[in-house]
């Protein structure tokens, strides 16, 4: 079954000296592993300011994307994300979904 969804993948911790590698791993997960377009998903380092002090890396959708076979895909996508990030030296990884059609 196809599902219309939005997601946020977060990496909360990484060694400072591995920042480039962890960010590259997050981008590779979104654009290579999941085959999403750079117009659909933004990957960036966020936070660090007075209103948003928690620094983290995120890959997040710019709007809803259609995913076929969500049940199998979501489990496999999270496993691929965790593997990529861990191999690059990052940790504290999460992948959260929202379903705009259900609102």
C-alpha atoms as a PDB file:
ATOM      1  CA  UNK A   1       0.000   0.000   0.000  1.00  0.00           C
ATOM      2  CA  UNK A   2       1.222   3.498  -0.802  1.00  0.00           C
ATOM      3  CA  UNK A   3       1.287   6.106   1.934  1.00  0.00           C
ATOM      4  CA  UNK A   4       1.568   9.872   1.799  1.00  0.00           C
ATOM      5  CA  UNK A   5       3.977  10.921   4.561  1.00  0.00           C
ATOM      6  CA  UNK A   6       6.500  13.395   5.870  1.00  0.00           C
ATOM      7  CA  UNK A   7       9.521  12.435   7.949  1.00  0.00           C
ATOM      8  CA  UNK A   8      12.354  13.799  10.048  1.00  0.00           C
ATOM      9  CA  UNK A   9      15.526  11.762  10.512  1.00  0.00           C
ATOM     10  CA  UNK A  10      17.709  13.105  13.331  1.00  0.00           C
ATOM     11  CA  UNK A  11      21.258  12.499  14.462  1.00  0.00           C
ATOM     12  CA  UNK A  12      21.840  13.883  17.927  1.00  0.00           C
ATOM     13  CA  UNK A  13      25.501  13.065  18.623  1.00  0.00           C
ATOM     14  CA  UNK A  14      28.724  12.810  16.656  1.00  0.00           C
ATOM     15  CA  UNK A  15      32.403  13.418  17.286  1.00  0.00           C
ATOM     16  CA  UNK A  16      33.359  16.916  16.187  1.00  0.00           C
ATOM     17  CA  UNK A  17      36.161  15.522  14.025  1.00  0.00           C
ATOM     18  CA  UNK A  18      33.652  13.255  12.197  1.00  0.00           C
ATOM     19  CA  UNK A  19      31.010  15.919  11.493  1.00  0.00           C
ATOM     20  CA  UNK A  20      31.581  15.956   7.722  1.00  0.00           C
ATOM     21  CA  UNK A  21      31.454  12.151   7.515  1.00  0.00           C
ATOM     22  CA  UNK A  22      28.251  11.899   9.549  1.00  0.00           C
ATOM     23  CA  UNK A  23      26.555  14.635   7.511  1.00  0.00           C
ATOM     24  CA  UNK A  24      27.649  12.885   4.289  1.00  0.00           C
ATOM     25  CA  UNK A  25      26.205   9.608   5.628  1.00  0.00           C
ATOM     26  CA  UNK A  26      22.855  11.277   6.345  1.00  0.00           C
ATOM     27  CA  UNK A  27      22.804  12.728   2.831  1.00  0.00           C
ATOM     28  CA  UNK A  28      23.753   9.364   1.310  1.00  0.00           C
ATOM     29  CA  UNK A  29      20.907   7.701   3.190  1.00  0.00           C
ATOM     30  CA  UNK A  30      18.327  10.206   1.929  1.00  0.00           C
ATOM     31  CA  UNK A  31      19.511  10.641  -1.645  1.00  0.00           C
ATOM     32  CA  UNK A  32      21.198   7.333  -2.511  1.00  0.00           C
ATOM     33  CA  UNK A  33      19.663   4.666  -0.266  1.00  0.00           C
ATOM     34  CA  UNK A  34      16.113   6.031  -0.337  1.00  0.00           C
ATOM     35  CA  UNK A  35      16.321   7.591  -3.806  1.00  0.00           C
ATOM     36  CA  UNK A  36      14.719  10.858  -2.724  1.00  0.00           C
ATOM     37  CA  UNK A  37      15.318  14.105  -4.566  1.00  0.00           C
ATOM     38  CA  UNK A  38      17.133  17.100  -3.083  1.00  0.00           C
ATOM     39  CA  UNK A  39      13.945  19.117  -3.666  1.00  0.00           C
ATOM     40  CA  UNK A  40      12.001  16.640  -1.493  1.00  0.00           C
ATOM     41  CA  UNK A  41      14.440  16.290   1.414  1.00  0.00           C
ATOM     42  CA  UNK A  42      16.712  18.845   3.048  1.00  0.00           C
ATOM     43  CA  UNK A  43      19.747  17.653   5.002  1.00  0.00           C
ATOM     44  CA  UNK A  44      21.382  20.152   7.344  1.00  0.00           C
ATOM     45  CA  UNK A  45      22.853  20.882  10.763  1.00  0.00           C
ATOM     46  CA  UNK A  46      20.358  22.794  12.881  1.00  0.00           C
ATOM     47  CA  UNK A  47      20.315  24.468  16.286  1.00  0.00           C
ATOM     48  CA  UNK A  48      22.963  26.126  18.388  1.00  0.00           C
ATOM     49  CA  UNK A  49      21.219  29.475  18.810  1.00  0.00           C
ATOM     50  CA  UNK A  50      19.528  30.982  21.858  1.00  0.00           C
ATOM     51  CA  UNK A  51      16.024  29.949  20.756  1.00  0.00           C
ATOM     52  CA  UNK A  52      17.103  26.522  19.527  1.00  0.00           C
ATOM     53  CA  UNK A  53      20.172  25.499  21.539  1.00  0.00           C
ATOM     54  CA  UNK A  54      20.216  21.757  20.766  1.00  0.00           C
ATOM     55  CA  UNK A  55      22.537  21.097  17.831  1.00  0.00           C
ATOM     56  CA  UNK A  56      21.510  18.179  15.635  1.00  0.00           C
ATOM     57  CA  UNK A  57      21.629  16.952  12.076  1.00  0.00           C
ATOM     58  CA  UNK A  58      18.326  16.443  10.300  1.00  0.00           C
ATOM     59  CA  UNK A  59      17.056  15.103   7.018  1.00  0.00           C
ATOM     60  CA  UNK A  60      13.479  16.281   6.622  1.00  0.00           C
ATOM     61  CA  UNK A  61      10.898  16.343   3.874  1.00  0.00           C
ATOM     62  CA  UNK A  62       9.817  19.654   2.384  1.00  0.00           C
ATOM     63  CA  UNK A  63       6.303  18.286   1.912  1.00  0.00           C
ATOM     64  CA  UNK A  64       4.506  14.959   1.676  1.00  0.00           C
ATOM     65  CA  UNK A  65       6.162  12.132  -0.289  1.00  0.00           C
ATOM     66  CA  UNK A  66       4.513   8.946  -1.499  1.00  0.00           C
ATOM     67  CA  UNK A  67       6.069   5.711  -0.237  1.00  0.00           C
ATOM     68  CA  UNK A  68       4.983   2.329  -1.587  1.00  0.00           C
ATOM     69  CA  UNK A  69       4.958  -0.608   0.824  1.00  0.00           C
ATOM     70  CA  UNK A  70       5.316   1.604   3.880  1.00  0.00           C
ATOM     71  CA  UNK A  71       5.326  -1.217   6.447  1.00  0.00           C
ATOM     72  CA  UNK A  72       8.377  -2.956   4.996  1.00  0.00           C
ATOM     73  CA  UNK A  73      10.001   0.263   3.805  1.00  0.00           C
ATOM     74  CA  UNK A  74       9.854   2.038   7.180  1.00  0.00           C
ATOM     75  CA  UNK A  75      11.654  -0.783   9.017  1.00  0.00           C
ATOM     76  CA  UNK A  76      14.283  -1.192   6.291  1.00  0.00           C
ATOM     77  CA  UNK A  77      14.782   2.581   5.887  1.00  0.00           C
ATOM     78  CA  UNK A  78      15.402   3.034   9.606  1.00  0.00           C
ATOM     79  CA  UNK A  79      17.887   0.140   9.613  1.00  0.00           C
ATOM     80  CA  UNK A  80      19.740   1.653   6.652  1.00  0.00           C
ATOM     81  CA  UNK A  81      19.780   5.052   8.374  1.00  0.00           C
ATOM     82  CA  UNK A  82      21.152   3.676  11.637  1.00  0.00           C
ATOM     83  CA  UNK A  83      23.817   1.645   9.816  1.00  0.00           C
ATOM     84  CA  UNK A  84      25.015   4.566   7.673  1.00  0.00           C
ATOM     85  CA  UNK A  85      25.204   6.953  10.617  1.00  0.00           C
ATOM     86  CA  UNK A  86      26.893   4.453  12.957  1.00  0.00           C
ATOM     87  CA  UNK A  87      29.534   3.590  10.353  1.00  0.00           C
ATOM     88  CA  UNK A  88      30.315   7.308  10.047  1.00  0.00           C
ATOM     89  CA  UNK A  89      30.597   7.754  13.826  1.00  0.00           C
ATOM     90  CA  UNK A  90      27.206   9.255  14.699  1.00  0.00           C
ATOM     91  CA  UNK A  91      24.674   8.137  17.286  1.00  0.00           C
ATOM     92  CA  UNK A  92      21.367   9.087  18.923  1.00  0.00           C
ATOM     93  CA  UNK A  93      19.465   8.437  15.680  1.00  0.00           C
ATOM     94  CA  UNK A  94      15.698   8.669  15.224  1.00  0.00           C
ATOM     95  CA  UNK A  95      13.253   8.558  12.331  1.00  0.00           C
ATOM     96  CA  UNK A  96       9.782  10.025  12.876  1.00  0.00           C
ATOM     97  CA  UNK A  97       6.854  10.004  10.479  1.00  0.00           C
ATOM     98  CA  UNK A  98       3.743  12.151  10.163  1.00  0.00           C
ATOM     99  CA  UNK A  99       0.807  11.365   7.923  1.00  0.00           C
ATOM    100  CA  UNK A 100      -0.825  14.555   6.606  1.00  0.00           C
ATOM    101  CA  UNK A 101      -3.802  12.710   5.103  1.00  0.00           C
ATOM    102  CA  UNK A 102      -4.854  11.651   8.597  1.00  0.00           C
ATOM    103  CA  UNK A 103      -5.027  15.185   9.979  1.00  0.00           C
END
